[in-house]
Amino acid sequence: MAVCTAEICEGKWYQEREEEITLVDRYGIKRTTTLKPDNKQGIMRLGKEWREFCEVNGVKVGESFKMELIKEEEEDIRATHLLKFCSKVLNSH
């Protein structure tokens, strides 16, 4: 599972319980996964689809990358949140 950093989780747009979220890759293809709280660690984790998402975006497991949080309104007026791939974070070594 991927770990969401404080920057993503600080906004409290999630309900601190398991929820579905949509990942949008660099080609605009959407994948649904889960966002789950890790109560022992106090962080949020992404479910299974993140590995394929990383591969498509040229990111290896363990590398850092930036995502944009997008709120998308649905027909029934509920908001769906998307995490859209922005770029890899280059190491400064």
C-alpha atoms as a PDB file:
ATOM      1  CA  MET A   1       0.000   0.000   0.000  1.00  0.00           C
ATOM      2  CA  ALA A   2       1.084   3.568  -0.607  1.00  0.00           C
ATOM      3  CA  VAL A   3       1.188   6.053   2.234  1.00  0.00           C
ATOM      4  CA  CYS A   4      -0.477   9.454   1.877  1.00  0.00           C
ATOM      5  CA  THR A   5       1.562  12.320   3.251  1.00  0.00           C
ATOM      6  CA  ALA A   6       0.318  14.905   5.686  1.00  0.00           C
ATOM      7  CA  GLU A   7      -0.207  17.426   2.879  1.00  0.00           C
ATOM      8  CA  ILE A   8      -2.900  15.247   1.311  1.00  0.00           C
ATOM      9  CA  CYS A   9      -4.459  14.085   4.553  1.00  0.00           C
ATOM     10  CA  GLU A  10      -4.422  17.430   6.411  1.00  0.00           C
ATOM     11  CA  GLY A  11      -7.412  18.790   4.497  1.00  0.00           C
ATOM     12  CA  LYS A  12      -9.742  16.275   6.163  1.00  0.00           C
ATOM     13  CA  TRP A  13     -11.777  15.859   2.972  1.00  0.00           C
ATOM     14  CA  TYR A  14     -11.814  12.163   3.802  1.00  0.00           C
ATOM     15  CA  GLN A  15     -13.905  10.848   6.689  1.00  0.00           C
ATOM     16  CA  GLU A  16     -11.122   9.007   8.569  1.00  0.00           C
ATOM     17  CA  ARG A  17     -12.661   5.695   7.529  1.00  0.00           C
ATOM     18  CA  GLU A  18     -12.168   3.504   4.477  1.00  0.00           C
ATOM     19  CA  GLU A  19     -13.413   5.236   1.340  1.00  0.00           C
ATOM     20  CA  GLU A  20     -13.161   4.785  -2.398  1.00  0.00           C
ATOM     21  CA  ILE A  21     -11.011   7.272  -4.259  1.00  0.00           C
ATOM     22  CA  THR A  22     -10.126   7.646  -7.928  1.00  0.00           C
ATOM     23  CA  LEU A  23      -6.543   7.825  -9.185  1.00  0.00           C
ATOM     24  CA  VAL A  24      -6.023   9.617 -12.522  1.00  0.00           C
ATOM     25  CA  ASP A  25      -2.825   8.727 -14.407  1.00  0.00           C
ATOM     26  CA  ARG A  26      -0.819  10.925 -16.781  1.00  0.00           C
ATOM     27  CA  TYR A  27      -2.971   9.706 -19.691  1.00  0.00           C
ATOM     28  CA  GLY A  28      -6.219  10.647 -17.939  1.00  0.00           C
ATOM     29  CA  ILE A  29      -7.209   7.025 -17.246  1.00  0.00           C
ATOM     30  CA  LYS A  30      -9.076   6.584 -13.955  1.00  0.00           C
ATOM     31  CA  ARG A  31      -8.629   3.722 -11.494  1.00  0.00           C
ATOM     32  CA  THR A  32     -10.695   3.258  -8.357  1.00  0.00           C
ATOM     33  CA  THR A  33      -8.945   2.202  -5.169  1.00  0.00           C
ATOM     34  CA  THR A  34      -9.488   2.520  -1.437  1.00  0.00           C
ATOM     35  CA  LEU A  35      -8.130   5.084   0.978  1.00  0.00           C
ATOM     36  CA  LYS A  36      -7.828   3.439   4.392  1.00  0.00           C
ATOM     37  CA  PRO A  37      -6.810   4.769   7.800  1.00  0.00           C
ATOM     38  CA  ASP A  38      -3.908   3.044   9.531  1.00  0.00           C
ATOM     39  CA  ASN A  39      -4.946   3.750  13.095  1.00  0.00           C
ATOM     40  CA  LYS A  40      -1.705   2.409  14.576  1.00  0.00           C
ATOM     41  CA  GLN A  41       0.404   4.814  12.501  1.00  0.00           C
ATOM     42  CA  GLY A  42      -2.075   7.704  12.239  1.00  0.00           C
ATOM     43  CA  ILE A  43      -1.740   7.844   8.441  1.00  0.00           C
ATOM     44  CA  MET A  44      -3.859   6.995   5.404  1.00  0.00           C
ATOM     45  CA  ARG A  45      -2.964   4.260   2.897  1.00  0.00           C
ATOM     46  CA  LEU A  46      -3.975   3.658  -0.719  1.00  0.00           C
ATOM     47  CA  GLY A  47      -5.232   0.206  -1.773  1.00  0.00           C
ATOM     48  CA  LYS A  48      -4.096  -2.277  -4.445  1.00  0.00           C
ATOM     49  CA  GLU A  49      -4.494  -0.221  -7.639  1.00  0.00           C
ATOM     50  CA  TRP A  50      -1.650   2.126  -6.707  1.00  0.00           C
ATOM     51  CA  ARG A  51       1.038  -0.278  -7.984  1.00  0.00           C
ATOM     52  CA  GLU A  52      -0.378  -0.294 -11.524  1.00  0.00           C
ATOM     53  CA  PHE A  53      -0.901   3.469 -11.250  1.00  0.00           C
ATOM     54  CA  CYS A  54       2.789   3.962 -10.383  1.00  0.00           C
ATOM     55  CA  GLU A  55       3.951   1.679 -13.203  1.00  0.00           C
ATOM     56  CA  VAL A  56       1.906   3.552 -15.831  1.00  0.00           C
ATOM     57  CA  ASN A  57       3.329   6.864 -14.588  1.00  0.00           C
ATOM     58  CA  GLY A  58       6.948   5.652 -14.632  1.00  0.00           C
ATOM     59  CA  VAL A  59       7.283   5.669 -10.860  1.00  0.00           C
ATOM     60  CA  LYS A  60       8.953   2.791  -9.020  1.00  0.00           C
ATOM     61  CA  VAL A  61       7.751   1.565  -5.639  1.00  0.00           C
ATOM     62  CA  GLY A  62       9.439   3.705  -3.006  1.00  0.00           C
ATOM     63  CA  GLU A  63       9.923   6.758  -5.246  1.00  0.00           C
ATOM     64  CA  SER A  64       8.141   9.993  -4.422  1.00  0.00           C
ATOM     65  CA  PHE A  65       5.701  11.737  -6.718  1.00  0.00           C
ATOM     66  CA  LYS A  66       3.283  14.649  -6.565  1.00  0.00           C
ATOM     67  CA  MET A  67      -0.467  14.369  -6.981  1.00  0.00           C
ATOM     68  CA  GLU A  68      -3.179  16.991  -7.290  1.00  0.00           C
ATOM     69  CA  LEU A  69      -6.376  16.635  -5.252  1.00  0.00           C
ATOM     70  CA  ILE A  70      -9.418  17.361  -7.407  1.00  0.00           C
ATOM     71  CA  LYS A  71     -13.031  17.544  -6.219  1.00  0.00           C
ATOM     72  CA  GLU A  72     -15.496  16.359  -8.846  1.00  0.00           C
ATOM     73  CA  GLU A  73     -19.234  16.865  -8.413  1.00  0.00           C
ATOM     74  CA  GLU A  74     -21.492  13.952  -9.300  1.00  0.00           C
ATOM     75  CA  GLU A  75     -25.096  14.008 -10.478  1.00  0.00           C
ATOM     76  CA  ASP A  76     -26.435  13.171  -7.027  1.00  0.00           C
ATOM     77  CA  ILE A  77     -24.559  16.197  -5.604  1.00  0.00           C
ATOM     78  CA  ARG A  78     -22.068  14.086  -3.680  1.00  0.00           C
ATOM     79  CA  ALA A  79     -18.444  15.027  -4.249  1.00  0.00           C
ATOM     80  CA  THR A  80     -15.942  12.494  -5.494  1.00  0.00           C
ATOM     81  CA  HIS A  81     -12.276  13.137  -4.876  1.00  0.00           C
ATOM     82  CA  LEU A  82      -9.656  12.360  -7.478  1.00  0.00           C
ATOM     83  CA  LEU A  83      -5.904  12.164  -6.994  1.00  0.00           C
ATOM     84  CA  LYS A  84      -4.255  13.121 -10.287  1.00  0.00           C
ATOM     85  CA  PHE A  85      -0.617  12.327 -11.098  1.00  0.00           C
ATOM     86  CA  CYS A  86       1.450  15.505 -11.530  1.00  0.00           C
ATOM     87  CA  SER A  87       5.142  14.579 -11.605  1.00  0.00           C
ATOM     88  CA  LYS A  88       7.903  12.473 -10.127  1.00  0.00           C
ATOM     89  CA  VAL A  89       9.955  14.077  -7.389  1.00  0.00           C
ATOM     90  CA  LEU A  90      13.589  14.012  -8.423  1.00  0.00           C
ATOM     91  CA  ASN A  91      16.192  13.095  -5.817  1.00  0.00           C
ATOM     92  CA  SER A  92      18.780  15.787  -5.193  1.00  0.00           C
ATOM     93  CA  HIS A  93      21.680  13.330  -4.637  1.00  0.00           C
END
